[in-house]
Amino acid sequence: MGGKSRGLRVALAAAPAALATLATTASPAAAAPSVRAGQGTGTLRALAAAAGHRWIGAAVDTTALAHERGYASVLARQFSSVTAENVMKWETVESRRGAEDYGQADRLVAFARRNHMMVRGHNLVWHSQLPAWLAQGADDGTLTHAQLSSILHRHVVDEVSHFRGRVYAWDVVNEPLNEDGTLRETVWYDALGRSYIAKALEWAHAADPRAKLYLNDYGIEAAGPKSDGMYALAKSLLALHVPLDGIGFESHLDIRYPFPAGMARNLRRFAALGLDVAVTEADVRIALPGTAAERARQADDYGRLVEACLSVRRCVSFTVWGFTDRHSWIPGFFPGEGAADLYDRSLQPKPAYRAVHDALAAAGSSRS
């Protein structure tokens, strides 16, 4: 997320209502999560590790990371994985054609390595947050379909190669589906047809054969047309022996709507294909300023998200899309809503944090 288009804002607002009408075993390639001195046995990262070698992650605002010591301290202490909220996206790494700049992303990766954290790469292929030179060239036709194919190939290979061995998983294709489960008609679909997804996965795999490669989307948490479309897409790619390792379930929730029905069961059907699954962008928004009852419902939704993941052996990670309300993307895209994260604006844990903590602790206790 972190800079979503108006179209996505509308779709996210509508998706939970649509879901409400539905009636609500391999391990990752990277090393198992570890807990170091100063990180504490009661932290989220320690509890996630004890709950079956899972990662607990957060999308990171790199400006806050650079300038707010408290933000960096909470991130390093509580989380075992980081996702770049924006600095690995194309508009950042190549704002000028041919002039790649991975500086901000490199600093995030260095922070992760110092604090024994894994890195999820987000993202390689998307229809949004493209550099202006690319978006304009595609729109006005000065970039031909053949040129766009070549540009996409170079971008995927260059970025994955740059982070080879330092990023354990990539959201290779982000949000490829319409709400009805059909492929979204994007600049990449228009230029390459439906094969752009398989090609991107193949290019990424060639650049780093050890990285786990994902498709990532929102509104697929419950079974329904969009989730069925993702399932059919994944199954077809696997039948063609395309290197696909996992599916990311963004999990942007809103307490105005029921919790996604049968989420654990839905995760299991993807895992049955031989894929890893992951909750990749979790947040739960409420109407501001929020009541105690609304915060309790928010906490319940967070707990149920964690429990759904923990109930599926191949659900390898749980990532929140930002961990503090101080730097949430929600208010900028959903006016009147927010307070969607585990920590408040003062970096104090909320009931949502306790719900995640307790769900992880319960899972760890059941294993001991």
Protein backbone atom coordinates (compact mmCIF):
# COMPACT_ATOMS: atom_id res chain seq x y z
CA MET A 1 0.00 0.00 0.00
CA GLY A 2 1.40 3.38 0.96
CA GLY A 3 0.31 5.45 -2.02
CA LYS A 4 -2.65 3.60 -3.42
CA SER A 5 -4.72 4.89 -6.30
CA ARG A 6 -8.28 6.19 -5.96
CA GLY A 7 -9.52 3.09 -7.79
CA LEU A 8 -8.03 0.86 -5.17
CA ARG A 9 -9.47 2.99 -2.39
CA VAL A 10 -12.95 2.45 -3.83
CA ALA A 11 -12.33 -1.27 -4.31
CA LEU A 12 -11.09 -1.75 -0.75
CA ALA A 13 -14.08 0.08 0.60
CA ALA A 14 -16.43 -2.10 -1.41
CA ALA A 15 -14.68 -5.46 -1.08
CA PRO A 16 -15.56 -6.23 2.57
CA ALA A 17 -19.24 -5.65 1.88
CA ALA A 18 -19.09 -8.08 -1.00
CA LEU A 19 -17.32 -10.61 1.20
CA ALA A 20 -20.03 -10.27 3.82
CA THR A 21 -22.55 -11.70 1.38
CA LEU A 22 -20.52 -14.91 1.20
CA ALA A 23 -21.25 -15.70 4.89
CA THR A 24 -18.52 -15.02 6.86
CA THR A 25 4.44 -28.40 3.61
CA ALA A 26 7.46 -26.82 3.13
CA SER A 27 9.18 -24.25 5.29
CA PRO A 28 10.60 -20.97 3.94
CA ALA A 29 14.03 -21.05 2.32
CA ALA A 30 15.48 -18.51 4.75
CA ALA A 31 16.85 -19.31 8.19
CA ALA A 32 14.39 -19.72 11.04
CA PRO A 33 13.60 -16.55 13.02
CA SER A 34 15.89 -15.85 15.91
CA VAL A 35 15.75 -13.69 19.03
CA ARG A 36 18.82 -11.74 20.08
CA ALA A 37 19.85 -10.06 23.30
CA GLY A 38 17.69 -7.02 24.01
CA GLN A 39 14.75 -8.28 21.99
CA GLY A 40 13.10 -10.12 24.85
CA THR A 41 11.27 -13.41 25.18
CA GLY A 42 7.86 -11.70 25.37
CA THR A 43 8.20 -9.70 22.18
CA LEU A 44 6.13 -10.40 19.11
CA ARG A 45 9.17 -11.71 17.25
CA ALA A 46 10.05 -14.12 20.05
CA LEU A 47 6.48 -15.36 20.31
CA ALA A 48 6.20 -15.78 16.53
CA ALA A 49 9.38 -17.83 16.46
CA ALA A 50 8.08 -20.01 19.28
CA ALA A 51 4.79 -20.45 17.43
CA GLY A 52 6.43 -22.47 14.68
CA HIS A 53 9.30 -20.51 13.15
CA ARG A 54 7.05 -17.83 11.71
CA TRP A 55 8.06 -14.26 10.93
CA ILE A 56 6.17 -11.27 12.28
CA GLY A 57 6.80 -8.30 10.02
CA ALA A 58 6.01 -4.65 9.48
CA ALA A 59 6.00 -2.36 6.47
CA VAL A 60 8.51 0.39 7.16
CA ASP A 61 8.37 4.14 6.62
CA THR A 62 12.05 4.75 5.93
CA THR A 63 11.86 8.47 6.74
CA ALA A 64 10.56 7.64 10.22
CA LEU A 65 13.20 4.94 10.53
CA ALA A 66 15.95 7.44 9.78
CA HIS A 67 14.72 10.23 12.04
CA GLU A 68 12.72 8.72 14.92
CA ARG A 69 14.70 6.69 17.41
CA GLY A 70 11.60 5.35 19.14
CA TYR A 71 10.20 4.10 15.86
CA ALA A 72 13.42 2.26 15.04
CA SER A 73 13.62 0.81 18.54
CA VAL A 74 10.10 -0.64 18.49
CA LEU A 75 10.60 -2.01 14.98
CA ALA A 76 13.84 -3.80 15.88
CA ARG A 77 12.59 -5.12 19.19
CA GLN A 78 9.17 -6.40 18.16
CA PHE A 79 9.47 -7.54 14.53
CA SER A 80 11.54 -10.17 12.74
CA SER A 81 10.79 -9.09 9.18
CA VAL A 82 10.54 -5.80 7.30
CA THR A 83 8.81 -4.81 4.08
CA ALA A 84 9.68 -1.59 2.28
CA GLU A 85 6.49 0.45 2.25
CA ASN A 86 7.57 2.49 -0.77
CA VAL A 87 11.33 2.54 -1.37
CA MET A 88 11.53 -0.64 -3.47
CA LYS A 89 8.72 0.50 -5.77
CA TRP A 90 9.60 1.45 -9.32
CA GLU A 91 8.85 5.18 -8.99
CA THR A 92 11.48 5.37 -6.25
CA VAL A 93 14.24 3.16 -7.61
CA GLU A 94 14.15 4.59 -11.15
CA SER A 95 12.48 7.99 -11.09
CA ARG A 96 14.64 8.95 -14.08
CA ARG A 97 14.94 6.44 -16.88
CA GLY A 98 18.16 4.48 -16.68
CA ALA A 99 19.23 6.08 -13.40
CA GLU A 100 18.61 3.43 -10.75
CA ASP A 101 18.88 4.48 -7.13
CA TYR A 102 18.56 1.82 -4.44
CA GLY A 103 20.01 3.98 -1.67
CA GLN A 104 16.94 4.18 0.56
CA ALA A 105 16.17 0.49 0.12
CA ASP A 106 19.80 -0.44 0.81
CA ARG A 107 19.65 1.44 4.11
CA LEU A 108 16.53 -0.49 5.11
CA VAL A 109 18.20 -3.80 4.22
CA ALA A 110 21.26 -2.79 6.25
CA PHE A 111 19.04 -1.99 9.25
CA ALA A 112 17.38 -5.37 8.91
CA ARG A 113 20.71 -7.19 8.79
CA ARG A 114 22.01 -5.35 11.86
CA ASN A 115 18.91 -6.41 13.76
CA HIS A 116 18.72 -9.98 12.46
CA MET A 117 15.53 -9.36 10.48
CA MET A 118 14.38 -10.81 7.18
CA VAL A 119 13.40 -8.61 4.22
CA ARG A 120 10.34 -8.98 1.99
CA GLY A 121 10.68 -7.19 -1.34
CA HIS A 122 7.64 -5.12 -2.37
CA ASN A 123 7.08 -4.92 -5.27
CA LEU A 124 8.36 -5.59 -8.79
CA VAL A 125 5.36 -5.40 -11.15
CA TRP A 126 2.38 -3.17 -10.44
CA HIS A 127 0.11 -0.82 -12.34
CA SER A 128 0.48 1.93 -9.75
CA GLN A 129 3.36 4.07 -8.45
CA LEU A 130 5.18 3.86 -11.75
CA PRO A 131 7.80 6.51 -12.58
CA ALA A 132 6.37 9.43 -14.54
CA TRP A 133 8.52 8.74 -17.60
CA LEU A 134 7.13 5.21 -17.83
CA ALA A 135 3.49 6.02 -17.10
CA GLN A 136 3.48 8.87 -19.61
CA GLY A 137 5.28 6.88 -22.30
CA ALA A 138 2.83 4.02 -21.97
CA ASP A 139 -0.14 6.38 -21.97
CA ASP A 140 0.83 8.45 -25.01
CA GLY A 141 2.26 5.57 -27.04
CA THR A 142 5.83 6.84 -27.22
CA LEU A 143 6.82 3.55 -25.60
CA THR A 144 5.80 0.64 -27.80
CA HIS A 145 4.61 -2.70 -26.47
CA ALA A 146 7.95 -4.24 -27.43
CA GLN A 147 9.80 -1.50 -25.57
CA LEU A 148 7.59 -1.92 -22.51
CA SER A 149 8.31 -5.64 -22.48
CA SER A 150 12.03 -4.97 -22.61
CA ILE A 151 11.80 -2.28 -19.93
CA LEU A 152 9.86 -4.58 -17.59
CA HIS A 153 12.34 -7.40 -18.12
CA ARG A 154 15.28 -5.15 -17.33
CA HIS A 155 13.60 -3.70 -14.25
CA VAL A 156 12.75 -7.09 -12.73
CA VAL A 157 16.19 -8.54 -13.40
CA ASP A 158 18.05 -5.43 -12.22
CA GLU A 159 16.18 -5.03 -8.95
CA VAL A 160 16.16 -8.70 -7.98
CA SER A 161 19.84 -9.00 -8.91
CA HIS A 162 20.71 -5.94 -6.81
CA PHE A 163 19.18 -7.54 -3.71
CA ARG A 164 20.13 -11.12 -4.51
CA GLY A 165 20.72 -13.06 -1.30
CA ARG A 166 19.44 -10.18 0.86
CA VAL A 167 15.69 -10.35 0.16
CA TYR A 168 14.12 -13.68 1.06
CA ALA A 169 10.79 -13.14 -0.75
CA TRP A 170 9.38 -10.86 -3.43
CA ASP A 171 5.86 -9.70 -4.21
CA VAL A 172 6.62 -10.15 -7.88
CA VAL A 173 3.21 -9.18 -9.28
CA ASN A 174 1.09 -6.95 -7.09
CA GLU A 175 -2.69 -6.74 -7.33
CA PRO A 176 -3.20 -8.36 -10.77
CA LEU A 177 -6.94 -9.06 -10.36
CA ASN A 178 -10.23 -7.27 -10.77
CA GLU A 179 -12.94 -7.75 -8.14
CA ASP A 180 -14.59 -10.45 -10.26
CA GLY A 181 -11.38 -12.48 -10.40
CA THR A 182 -10.45 -11.62 -13.98
CA LEU A 183 -7.05 -10.17 -14.84
CA ARG A 184 -6.86 -6.43 -14.45
CA GLU A 185 -6.16 -4.62 -17.73
CA THR A 186 -2.98 -2.71 -16.92
CA VAL A 187 -0.09 -1.29 -18.89
CA TRP A 188 1.59 -4.68 -18.54
CA TYR A 189 -1.44 -6.69 -19.56
CA ASP A 190 -1.92 -4.44 -22.58
CA ALA A 191 1.72 -4.78 -23.64
CA LEU A 192 2.38 -8.48 -22.98
CA GLY A 193 -1.02 -10.07 -22.51
CA ARG A 194 -1.69 -12.44 -19.63
CA SER A 195 1.80 -13.91 -20.06
CA TYR A 196 3.32 -10.91 -18.27
CA ILE A 197 2.76 -12.64 -14.92
CA ALA A 198 4.56 -15.85 -15.86
CA LYS A 199 7.37 -13.89 -17.51
CA ALA A 200 7.91 -11.69 -14.47
CA LEU A 201 8.11 -14.74 -12.21
CA GLU A 202 10.56 -16.46 -14.56
CA TRP A 203 12.74 -13.36 -14.83
CA ALA A 204 12.80 -12.94 -11.05
CA HIS A 205 13.68 -16.59 -10.52
CA ALA A 206 16.55 -16.37 -13.00
CA ALA A 207 17.92 -13.33 -11.15
CA ASP A 208 17.75 -14.98 -7.71
CA PRO A 209 16.83 -18.68 -7.73
CA ARG A 210 16.67 -18.83 -3.91
CA ALA A 211 14.16 -16.03 -3.40
CA LYS A 212 10.55 -16.98 -2.71
CA LEU A 213 8.25 -15.51 -5.35
CA TYR A 214 4.70 -14.35 -4.58
CA LEU A 215 1.58 -12.98 -6.16
CA ASN A 216 -0.03 -10.45 -3.81
CA ASP A 217 -3.54 -9.01 -3.71
CA TYR A 218 -6.28 -7.59 -1.50
CA GLY A 219 -9.83 -8.86 -1.09
CA ILE A 220 -8.89 -12.53 -1.45
CA GLU A 221 -9.01 -13.45 2.23
CA ALA A 222 -12.40 -15.16 1.98
CA ALA A 223 -13.53 -17.51 -0.75
CA GLY A 224 -15.33 -15.65 -3.50
CA PRO A 225 -14.91 -14.54 -7.11
CA LYS A 226 -11.64 -12.69 -6.60
CA SER A 227 -10.11 -15.39 -4.42
CA ASP A 228 -11.29 -18.03 -6.89
CA GLY A 229 -9.63 -16.05 -9.66
CA MET A 230 -6.34 -16.02 -7.76
CA TYR A 231 -6.65 -19.75 -7.09
CA ALA A 232 -7.24 -20.46 -10.79
CA LEU A 233 -4.34 -18.20 -11.76
CA ALA A 234 -1.96 -19.89 -9.32
CA LYS A 235 -3.06 -23.35 -10.39
CA SER A 236 -2.56 -22.51 -14.07
CA LEU A 237 0.92 -21.11 -13.45
CA LEU A 238 1.95 -24.18 -11.47
CA ALA A 239 0.64 -26.45 -14.25
CA LEU A 240 3.03 -24.63 -16.61
CA HIS A 241 5.90 -25.08 -14.11
CA VAL A 242 6.22 -21.34 -13.62
CA PRO A 243 8.30 -20.58 -10.49
CA LEU A 244 5.58 -19.46 -8.08
CA ASP A 245 6.20 -20.07 -4.37
CA GLY A 246 3.43 -18.29 -2.53
CA ILE A 247 0.35 -16.09 -2.36
CA GLY A 248 0.17 -12.91 -0.31
CA PHE A 249 -3.15 -12.00 1.34
CA GLU A 250 -3.02 -8.27 2.04
CA SER A 251 -5.79 -8.31 4.69
CA HIS A 252 -6.81 -4.65 4.87
CA LEU A 253 -9.91 -4.89 7.06
CA ASP A 254 -12.58 -2.44 8.18
CA ILE A 255 -14.66 -3.08 11.29
CA ARG A 256 -17.81 -1.88 9.49
CA TYR A 257 -17.84 -5.26 7.76
CA PRO A 258 -17.74 -8.85 9.02
CA PHE A 259 -14.43 -10.63 9.37
CA PRO A 260 -13.60 -12.57 6.16
CA ALA A 261 -15.60 -15.79 6.36
CA GLY A 262 -13.62 -19.03 6.36
CA MET A 263 -10.25 -17.34 5.98
CA ALA A 264 -8.27 -20.26 7.43
CA ARG A 265 -10.03 -22.69 5.12
CA ASN A 266 -9.27 -20.43 2.18
CA LEU A 267 -5.59 -20.24 3.12
CA ARG A 268 -5.49 -24.02 3.33
CA ARG A 269 -6.80 -24.51 -0.20
CA PHE A 270 -3.92 -22.42 -1.56
CA ALA A 271 -1.45 -24.29 0.64
CA ALA A 272 -2.82 -27.55 -0.76
CA LEU A 273 -1.46 -26.48 -4.13
CA GLY A 274 2.02 -26.70 -2.61
CA LEU A 275 2.29 -22.96 -2.04
CA ASP A 276 3.31 -20.93 0.97
CA VAL A 277 0.78 -18.32 2.07
CA ALA A 278 1.35 -15.13 4.02
CA VAL A 279 -0.60 -12.25 5.49
CA THR A 280 1.29 -9.38 3.91
CA GLU A 281 -0.34 -5.99 4.66
CA ALA A 282 -2.63 -6.35 7.66
CA ASP A 283 -4.41 -3.40 9.18
CA VAL A 284 -7.88 -2.89 10.62
CA ARG A 285 -9.34 0.59 10.23
CA ILE A 286 -12.01 2.24 12.35
CA ALA A 287 -13.96 5.50 12.19
CA LEU A 288 -12.10 8.25 14.04
CA PRO A 289 -11.76 8.97 16.87
CA GLY A 290 -12.93 5.47 17.76
CA THR A 291 -14.72 4.12 20.80
CA ALA A 292 -13.63 1.49 23.28
CA ALA A 293 -16.05 -0.95 21.67
CA GLU A 294 -14.60 -0.25 18.22
CA ARG A 295 -11.06 -0.74 19.49
CA ALA A 296 -12.14 -4.04 21.04
CA ARG A 297 -13.62 -5.16 17.72
CA GLN A 298 -10.42 -4.09 15.97
CA ALA A 299 -8.38 -6.15 18.41
CA ASP A 300 -10.62 -9.14 17.82
CA ASP A 301 -10.11 -8.88 14.05
CA TYR A 302 -6.33 -8.70 14.48
CA GLY A 303 -6.39 -11.73 16.73
CA ARG A 304 -8.49 -13.68 14.24
CA LEU A 305 -6.13 -12.78 11.40
CA VAL A 306 -3.19 -14.14 13.37
CA GLU A 307 -5.11 -17.24 14.38
CA ALA A 308 -6.09 -17.93 10.77
CA CYS A 309 -2.44 -17.77 9.73
CA LEU A 310 -1.24 -19.88 12.64
CA SER A 311 -3.77 -22.59 11.84
CA VAL A 312 -2.14 -23.21 8.46
CA ARG A 313 1.29 -24.80 8.54
CA ARG A 314 2.36 -23.10 5.33
CA CYS A 315 1.36 -19.62 6.49
CA VAL A 316 4.93 -18.52 6.97
CA SER A 317 4.62 -14.88 7.96
CA PHE A 318 2.28 -12.21 9.27
CA THR A 319 3.05 -8.62 8.29
CA VAL A 320 1.27 -5.44 9.38
CA TRP A 321 1.16 -2.51 6.97
CA GLY A 322 2.78 -0.05 9.32
CA PHE A 323 2.79 -0.58 13.06
CA THR A 324 2.00 2.88 14.42
CA ASP A 325 -0.93 5.19 13.74
CA ARG A 326 1.57 8.05 13.50
CA HIS A 327 2.59 6.88 10.04
CA SER A 328 -0.50 5.08 8.75
CA TRP A 329 -1.56 5.39 5.12
CA ILE A 330 -5.24 4.99 6.01
CA PRO A 331 -6.28 8.60 6.84
CA GLY A 332 -4.96 9.85 3.52
CA PHE A 333 -7.05 7.39 1.54
CA PHE A 334 -10.11 6.84 3.72
CA PRO A 335 -11.18 10.24 5.11
CA GLY A 336 -12.59 9.96 8.60
CA GLU A 337 -11.00 6.56 9.21
CA GLY A 338 -7.68 5.50 10.70
CA ALA A 339 -6.21 4.26 13.99
CA ALA A 340 -5.63 1.02 12.09
CA ASP A 341 -2.34 -0.16 13.61
CA LEU A 342 -0.97 -2.01 16.64
CA TYR A 343 0.57 1.09 18.26
CA ASP A 344 -0.94 4.53 18.75
CA ARG A 345 0.64 7.79 17.61
CA SER A 346 2.77 7.89 20.77
CA LEU A 347 4.13 4.39 20.12
CA GLN A 348 2.08 2.91 22.93
CA PRO A 349 0.65 -0.59 22.34
CA LYS A 350 -3.11 -0.75 21.78
CA PRO A 351 -5.57 -3.58 22.48
CA ALA A 352 -4.80 -4.72 18.92
CA TYR A 353 -1.18 -5.31 19.94
CA ARG A 354 -2.30 -7.38 22.92
CA ALA A 355 -4.56 -9.47 20.69
CA VAL A 356 -1.68 -10.30 18.35
CA HIS A 357 0.63 -10.95 21.31
CA ASP A 358 -1.87 -13.28 22.99
CA ALA A 359 -2.66 -15.22 19.81
CA LEU A 360 1.04 -15.85 19.23
CA ALA A 361 1.61 -16.74 22.88
CA ALA A 362 -1.26 -19.23 22.86
CA ALA A 363 0.11 -20.92 19.75
CA GLY A 364 3.56 -21.16 21.30
CA SER A 365 2.18 -22.64 24.50
CA SER A 366 0.30 -25.30 22.59
CA ARG A 367 3.57 -26.41 20.94
CA SER A 368 5.54 -26.70 24.19
